[in-house]
Amino acid sequence: RGPRGIEKAEQLFALSREFDAQTDVDLQCLSHSIKHAHQLPDHDFLCVNLRPTTLLNTPIQHLLLRCLRRGLSGGISIDLSHQWMMGDPGKLAPMIGQLREAGIEVGLDQVGFGRASLEALLVIGPTVIKTDPRLVIGLANDRAKARILERMVAVARSQQVKLIAVGLERDADVIAARDLGVEYGQGFRIGELVER
């Protein structure tokens, strides 16, 4: 047998870093997601994560062409991975403006810890915010996390932003997030958030 293939996303990302191919991998993932989104049962709205550097390294017209070929009945959100946010988020503002003018929403992923999160929120002005999973995992037993998430819910409502709690893996955390006013979630127990 030949060498084993890539089995986990982490392996792909590690290889893309090693060979300086992160932008290429991001763009291939974007194209693949858009191409196959119509096969999903609920394909009205598609969220795709990109590194901020992909936005900076890709001509905006090239990115728009990929997004506008989507063939979806609903919209698309480009969610910038906060963990990859480096330097001045203001450099992203021109590209974000053009995406919005084309009807593409912009979200921010893995928000919840650090000054950079606040700066990115102010500069990017996302329409979708996904929490850092570390903020949600163990939420039911951590009052400090609950206070942070409660404030995020208040900010999201005041700005009319969708807040998605990422990392809902236990029933207790689903219930705690729901009780704090979280309307959207991601994780193995998300069904519980909808049903209860």
C-alpha atoms as a PDB file:
ATOM      1  CA  ARG A   1       0.000   0.000   0.000  1.00  0.00           C
ATOM      2  CA  GLY A   2       1.030   3.543  -0.670  1.00  0.00           C
ATOM      3  CA  PRO A   3       1.236   6.319   1.944  1.00  0.00           C
ATOM      4  CA  ARG A   4      -1.916   7.047   3.860  1.00  0.00           C
ATOM      5  CA  GLY A   5      -4.014   9.981   2.710  1.00  0.00           C
ATOM      6  CA  ILE A   6      -5.119  12.997   4.694  1.00  0.00           C
ATOM      7  CA  GLU A   7      -7.777  11.915   7.190  1.00  0.00           C
ATOM      8  CA  LYS A   8      -8.323  15.043   9.301  1.00  0.00           C
ATOM      9  CA  ALA A   9      -8.724  18.722   8.543  1.00  0.00           C
ATOM     10  CA  GLU A  10      -5.860  19.516  10.932  1.00  0.00           C
ATOM     11  CA  GLN A  11      -3.511  17.476   8.733  1.00  0.00           C
ATOM     12  CA  LEU A  12      -4.545  19.430   5.643  1.00  0.00           C
ATOM     13  CA  PHE A  13      -4.067  22.761   7.412  1.00  0.00           C
ATOM     14  CA  ALA A  14      -0.644  21.711   8.717  1.00  0.00           C
ATOM     15  CA  LEU A  15       0.474  20.731   5.224  1.00  0.00           C
ATOM     16  CA  SER A  16      -0.880  23.959   3.745  1.00  0.00           C
ATOM     17  CA  ARG A  17       1.198  25.919   6.263  1.00  0.00           C
ATOM     18  CA  GLU A  18       4.288  23.829   5.567  1.00  0.00           C
ATOM     19  CA  PHE A  19       4.051  24.404   1.813  1.00  0.00           C
ATOM     20  CA  ASP A  20       2.769  28.003   2.037  1.00  0.00           C
ATOM     21  CA  ALA A  21      -0.456  27.004   0.290  1.00  0.00           C
ATOM     22  CA  GLN A  22      -3.010  28.339   2.783  1.00  0.00           C
ATOM     23  CA  THR A  23      -4.622  30.783   0.353  1.00  0.00           C
ATOM     24  CA  ASP A  24      -4.903  28.105  -2.347  1.00  0.00           C
ATOM     25  CA  VAL A  25      -6.490  25.662   0.114  1.00  0.00           C
ATOM     26  CA  ASP A  26      -8.938  28.331   1.333  1.00  0.00           C
ATOM     27  CA  LEU A  27     -10.019  29.174  -2.222  1.00  0.00           C
ATOM     28  CA  GLN A  28     -10.429  25.506  -3.150  1.00  0.00           C
ATOM     29  CA  CYS A  29     -12.567  24.951  -0.032  1.00  0.00           C
ATOM     30  CA  LEU A  30     -14.680  27.994  -0.919  1.00  0.00           C
ATOM     31  CA  SER A  31     -15.233  26.820  -4.498  1.00  0.00           C
ATOM     32  CA  HIS A  32     -15.987  23.250  -3.396  1.00  0.00           C
ATOM     33  CA  SER A  33     -18.476  24.409  -0.739  1.00  0.00           C
ATOM     34  CA  ILE A  34     -20.296  26.670  -3.168  1.00  0.00           C
ATOM     35  CA  LYS A  35     -20.346  24.029  -5.913  1.00  0.00           C
ATOM     36  CA  HIS A  36     -21.897  21.377  -3.674  1.00  0.00           C
ATOM     37  CA  ALA A  37     -24.095  23.502  -1.399  1.00  0.00           C
ATOM     38  CA  HIS A  38     -27.182  22.856  -3.539  1.00  0.00           C
ATOM     39  CA  GLN A  39     -26.996  19.171  -2.533  1.00  0.00           C
ATOM     40  CA  LEU A  40     -27.586  19.970   1.130  1.00  0.00           C
ATOM     41  CA  PRO A  41     -31.133  19.752   2.547  1.00  0.00           C
ATOM     42  CA  ASP A  42     -31.019  23.317   3.843  1.00  0.00           C
ATOM     43  CA  HIS A  43     -28.918  25.330   1.419  1.00  0.00           C
ATOM     44  CA  ASP A  44     -30.576  28.712   1.654  1.00  0.00           C
ATOM     45  CA  PHE A  45     -27.581  30.281   3.384  1.00  0.00           C
ATOM     46  CA  LEU A  46     -23.956  29.153   3.245  1.00  0.00           C
ATOM     47  CA  CYS A  47     -21.189  30.108   5.717  1.00  0.00           C
ATOM     48  CA  VAL A  48     -17.582  29.515   4.663  1.00  0.00           C
ATOM     49  CA  ASN A  49     -14.518  30.225   6.812  1.00  0.00           C
ATOM     50  CA  LEU A  50     -11.545  32.010   5.251  1.00  0.00           C
ATOM     51  CA  ARG A  51      -8.293  33.233   6.729  1.00  0.00           C
ATOM     52  CA  PRO A  52      -7.985  37.039   6.709  1.00  0.00           C
ATOM     53  CA  THR A  53      -4.763  36.614   4.709  1.00  0.00           C
ATOM     54  CA  THR A  54      -6.787  34.961   1.935  1.00  0.00           C
ATOM     55  CA  LEU A  55      -8.840  38.148   1.653  1.00  0.00           C
ATOM     56  CA  LEU A  56      -5.646  40.202   1.491  1.00  0.00           C
ATOM     57  CA  ASN A  57      -3.890  37.898  -1.002  1.00  0.00           C
ATOM     58  CA  THR A  58      -6.783  37.404  -3.434  1.00  0.00           C
ATOM     59  CA  PRO A  59      -7.908  40.023  -5.960  1.00  0.00           C
ATOM     60  CA  ILE A  60     -11.404  40.997  -4.865  1.00  0.00           C
ATOM     61  CA  GLN A  61     -12.907  40.445  -8.334  1.00  0.00           C
ATOM     62  CA  HIS A  62     -11.536  36.888  -8.327  1.00  0.00           C
ATOM     63  CA  LEU A  63     -13.146  36.233  -4.933  1.00  0.00           C
ATOM     64  CA  LEU A  64     -16.459  37.794  -6.005  1.00  0.00           C
ATOM     65  CA  LEU A  65     -16.525  35.657  -9.152  1.00  0.00           C
ATOM     66  CA  ARG A  66     -16.232  32.496  -7.066  1.00  0.00           C
ATOM     67  CA  CYS A  67     -18.935  33.629  -4.636  1.00  0.00           C
ATOM     68  CA  LEU A  68     -21.417  34.851  -7.243  1.00  0.00           C
ATOM     69  CA  ARG A  69     -21.309  31.547  -9.135  1.00  0.00           C
ATOM     70  CA  ARG A  70     -22.948  29.910  -6.172  1.00  0.00           C
ATOM     71  CA  GLY A  71     -26.341  29.041  -7.692  1.00  0.00           C
ATOM     72  CA  LEU A  72     -27.902  29.222  -4.227  1.00  0.00           C
ATOM     73  CA  SER A  73     -31.399  30.464  -3.523  1.00  0.00           C
ATOM     74  CA  GLY A  74     -30.108  32.238  -0.420  1.00  0.00           C
ATOM     75  CA  GLY A  75     -26.963  34.120   0.499  1.00  0.00           C
ATOM     76  CA  ILE A  76     -23.417  33.443   1.500  1.00  0.00           C
ATOM     77  CA  SER A  77     -21.356  34.587   4.466  1.00  0.00           C
ATOM     78  CA  ILE A  78     -17.579  34.767   4.424  1.00  0.00           C
ATOM     79  CA  ASP A  79     -16.562  34.130   8.034  1.00  0.00           C
ATOM     80  CA  LEU A  80     -13.085  35.362   8.885  1.00  0.00           C
ATOM     81  CA  SER A  81     -11.251  33.080  11.274  1.00  0.00           C
ATOM     82  CA  HIS A  82     -10.304  35.231  14.240  1.00  0.00           C
ATOM     83  CA  GLN A  83      -7.494  32.880  15.279  1.00  0.00           C
ATOM     84  CA  TRP A  84      -5.664  33.890  12.083  1.00  0.00           C
ATOM     85  CA  MET A  85      -6.224  37.634  12.557  1.00  0.00           C
ATOM     86  CA  MET A  86      -2.826  39.333  12.594  1.00  0.00           C
ATOM     87  CA  GLY A  87      -1.830  42.968  12.388  1.00  0.00           C
ATOM     88  CA  ASP A  88      -4.273  45.774  11.648  1.00  0.00           C
ATOM     89  CA  PRO A  89      -7.833  44.543  10.914  1.00  0.00           C
ATOM     90  CA  GLY A  90      -8.423  47.892   9.179  1.00  0.00           C
ATOM     91  CA  LYS A  91      -6.501  46.570   6.155  1.00  0.00           C
ATOM     92  CA  LEU A  92      -9.463  44.276   5.506  1.00  0.00           C
ATOM     93  CA  ALA A  93     -12.021  47.104   5.394  1.00  0.00           C
ATOM     94  CA  PRO A  94     -11.859  47.849   1.606  1.00  0.00           C
ATOM     95  CA  MET A  95     -12.355  44.169   0.670  1.00  0.00           C
ATOM     96  CA  ILE A  96     -15.127  43.745   3.219  1.00  0.00           C
ATOM     97  CA  GLY A  97     -16.902  46.790   1.807  1.00  0.00           C
ATOM     98  CA  GLN A  98     -16.815  45.341  -1.706  1.00  0.00           C
ATOM     99  CA  LEU A  99     -18.078  41.975  -0.522  1.00  0.00           C
ATOM    100  CA  ARG A 100     -21.014  43.666   1.189  1.00  0.00           C
ATOM    101  CA  GLU A 101     -21.784  45.760  -1.895  1.00  0.00           C
ATOM    102  CA  ALA A 102     -22.076  42.479  -3.803  1.00  0.00           C
ATOM    103  CA  GLY A 103     -24.568  41.133  -1.246  1.00  0.00           C
ATOM    104  CA  ILE A 104     -22.113  38.851   0.553  1.00  0.00           C
ATOM    105  CA  GLU A 105     -22.249  38.915   4.340  1.00  0.00           C
ATOM    106  CA  VAL A 106     -19.126  38.958   6.493  1.00  0.00           C
ATOM    107  CA  GLY A 107     -18.854  37.125   9.802  1.00  0.00           C
ATOM    108  CA  LEU A 108     -16.202  36.765  12.474  1.00  0.00           C
ATOM    109  CA  ASP A 109     -15.322  33.334  13.865  1.00  0.00           C
ATOM    110  CA  GLN A 110     -13.822  32.357  17.261  1.00  0.00           C
ATOM    111  CA  VAL A 111     -14.645  35.552  19.134  1.00  0.00           C
ATOM    112  CA  GLY A 112     -14.576  35.736  22.906  1.00  0.00           C
ATOM    113  CA  PHE A 113     -11.098  36.292  24.253  1.00  0.00           C
ATOM    114  CA  GLY A 114      -8.566  39.105  23.985  1.00  0.00           C
ATOM    115  CA  ARG A 115      -8.346  42.729  22.888  1.00  0.00           C
ATOM    116  CA  ALA A 116      -7.990  41.761  19.228  1.00  0.00           C
ATOM    117  CA  SER A 117     -11.531  40.382  19.265  1.00  0.00           C
ATOM    118  CA  LEU A 118     -12.932  43.767  20.227  1.00  0.00           C
ATOM    119  CA  GLU A 119     -10.794  45.590  17.667  1.00  0.00           C
ATOM    120  CA  ALA A 120     -11.837  43.195  14.904  1.00  0.00           C
ATOM    121  CA  LEU A 121     -15.504  43.579  15.899  1.00  0.00           C
ATOM    122  CA  LEU A 122     -15.263  47.354  15.668  1.00  0.00           C
ATOM    123  CA  VAL A 123     -13.424  47.406  12.342  1.00  0.00           C
ATOM    124  CA  ILE A 124     -15.156  44.546  10.527  1.00  0.00           C
ATOM    125  CA  GLY A 125     -18.680  45.102  11.831  1.00  0.00           C
ATOM    126  CA  PRO A 126     -19.720  41.483  11.192  1.00  0.00           C
ATOM    127  CA  THR A 127     -23.308  40.377  10.630  1.00  0.00           C
ATOM    128  CA  VAL A 128     -22.514  36.955  12.129  1.00  0.00           C
ATOM    129  CA  ILE A 129     -20.374  36.270  15.214  1.00  0.00           C
ATOM    130  CA  LYS A 130     -19.284  32.760  16.169  1.00  0.00           C
ATOM    131  CA  THR A 131     -17.905  32.275  19.653  1.00  0.00           C
ATOM    132  CA  ASP A 132     -14.595  30.718  20.493  1.00  0.00           C
ATOM    133  CA  PRO A 133     -15.481  27.135  21.575  1.00  0.00           C
ATOM    134  CA  ARG A 134     -13.425  27.646  24.760  1.00  0.00           C
ATOM    135  CA  LEU A 135     -16.080  30.104  25.866  1.00  0.00           C
ATOM    136  CA  VAL A 136     -18.904  27.576  25.477  1.00  0.00           C
ATOM    137  CA  ILE A 137     -17.399  24.236  26.500  1.00  0.00           C
ATOM    138  CA  GLY A 138     -18.114  23.858  30.216  1.00  0.00           C
ATOM    139  CA  LEU A 139     -20.366  26.935  30.215  1.00  0.00           C
ATOM    140  CA  ALA A 140     -22.885  25.382  32.605  1.00  0.00           C
ATOM    141  CA  ASN A 141     -20.263  25.084  35.346  1.00  0.00           C
ATOM    142  CA  ASP A 142     -18.373  28.333  34.816  1.00  0.00           C
ATOM    143  CA  ARG A 143     -19.994  31.592  35.947  1.00  0.00           C
ATOM    144  CA  ALA A 144     -17.198  33.697  34.427  1.00  0.00           C
ATOM    145  CA  LYS A 145     -17.858  32.219  30.976  1.00  0.00           C
ATOM    146  CA  ALA A 146     -21.579  32.747  31.468  1.00  0.00           C
ATOM    147  CA  ARG A 147     -21.041  36.445  32.240  1.00  0.00           C
ATOM    148  CA  ILE A 148     -18.927  36.915  29.103  1.00  0.00           C
ATOM    149  CA  LEU A 149     -21.467  35.130  26.906  1.00  0.00           C
ATOM    150  CA  GLU A 150     -24.323  37.104  28.472  1.00  0.00           C
ATOM    151  CA  ARG A 151     -22.561  40.351  27.508  1.00  0.00           C
ATOM    152  CA  MET A 152     -21.938  39.050  23.999  1.00  0.00           C
ATOM    153  CA  VAL A 153     -25.652  38.264  23.635  1.00  0.00           C
ATOM    154  CA  ALA A 154     -26.503  41.837  24.678  1.00  0.00           C
ATOM    155  CA  VAL A 155     -23.984  43.336  22.229  1.00  0.00           C
ATOM    156  CA  ALA A 156     -25.172  41.093  19.389  1.00  0.00           C
ATOM    157  CA  ARG A 157     -28.795  42.085  19.970  1.00  0.00           C
ATOM    158  CA  SER A 158     -27.967  45.787  20.134  1.00  0.00           C
ATOM    159  CA  GLN A 159     -26.070  45.529  16.831  1.00  0.00           C
ATOM    160  CA  GLN A 160     -28.618  43.174  15.205  1.00  0.00           C
ATOM    161  CA  VAL A 161     -25.947  40.522  14.713  1.00  0.00           C
ATOM    162  CA  LYS A 162     -26.483  36.746  14.709  1.00  0.00           C
ATOM    163  CA  LEU A 163     -24.523  35.196  17.585  1.00  0.00           C
ATOM    164  CA  ILE A 164     -23.672  31.512  17.197  1.00  0.00           C
ATOM    165  CA  ALA A 165     -22.431  29.610  20.260  1.00  0.00           C
ATOM    166  CA  VAL A 166     -19.824  27.144  19.012  1.00  0.00           C
ATOM    167  CA  GLY A 167     -18.867  24.111  21.099  1.00  0.00           C
ATOM    168  CA  LEU A 168     -22.252  22.866  22.317  1.00  0.00           C
ATOM    169  CA  GLU A 169     -21.307  19.288  23.095  1.00  0.00           C
ATOM    170  CA  ARG A 170     -23.164  18.689  26.390  1.00  0.00           C
ATOM    171  CA  ASP A 171     -26.834  19.031  27.261  1.00  0.00           C
ATOM    172  CA  ALA A 172     -26.010  21.196  30.278  1.00  0.00           C
ATOM    173  CA  ASP A 173     -24.115  23.702  28.110  1.00  0.00           C
ATOM    174  CA  VAL A 174     -26.946  23.806  25.559  1.00  0.00           C
ATOM    175  CA  ILE A 175     -29.428  24.631  28.327  1.00  0.00           C
ATOM    176  CA  ALA A 176     -27.107  27.247  29.830  1.00  0.00           C
ATOM    177  CA  ALA A 177     -26.613  28.936  26.437  1.00  0.00           C
ATOM    178  CA  ARG A 178     -30.359  28.931  25.796  1.00  0.00           C
ATOM    179  CA  ASP A 179     -31.031  30.423  29.221  1.00  0.00           C
ATOM    180  CA  LEU A 180     -28.598  33.244  28.459  1.00  0.00           C
ATOM    181  CA  GLY A 181     -30.572  34.122  25.334  1.00  0.00           C
ATOM    182  CA  VAL A 182     -28.424  32.451  22.667  1.00  0.00           C
ATOM    183  CA  GLU A 183     -30.568  31.753  19.582  1.00  0.00           C
ATOM    184  CA  TYR A 184     -28.066  29.924  17.360  1.00  0.00           C
ATOM    185  CA  GLY A 185     -25.619  27.166  18.150  1.00  0.00           C
ATOM    186  CA  GLN A 186     -23.137  24.724  16.682  1.00  0.00           C
ATOM    187  CA  GLY A 187     -22.118  21.371  18.153  1.00  0.00           C
ATOM    188  CA  PHE A 188     -23.239  17.797  18.729  1.00  0.00           C
ATOM    189  CA  ARG A 189     -26.104  18.862  20.991  1.00  0.00           C
ATOM    190  CA  ILE A 190     -27.529  21.618  18.814  1.00  0.00           C
ATOM    191  CA  GLY A 191     -30.714  19.653  18.283  1.00  0.00           C
ATOM    192  CA  GLU A 192     -31.479  20.085  21.973  1.00  0.00           C
ATOM    193  CA  LEU A 193     -31.260  23.866  21.646  1.00  0.00           C
ATOM    194  CA  VAL A 194     -33.883  23.825  18.920  1.00  0.00           C
ATOM    195  CA  GLU A 195     -36.243  21.309  20.486  1.00  0.00           C
ATOM    196  CA  ARG A 196     -36.476  22.487  24.091  1.00  0.00           C
END
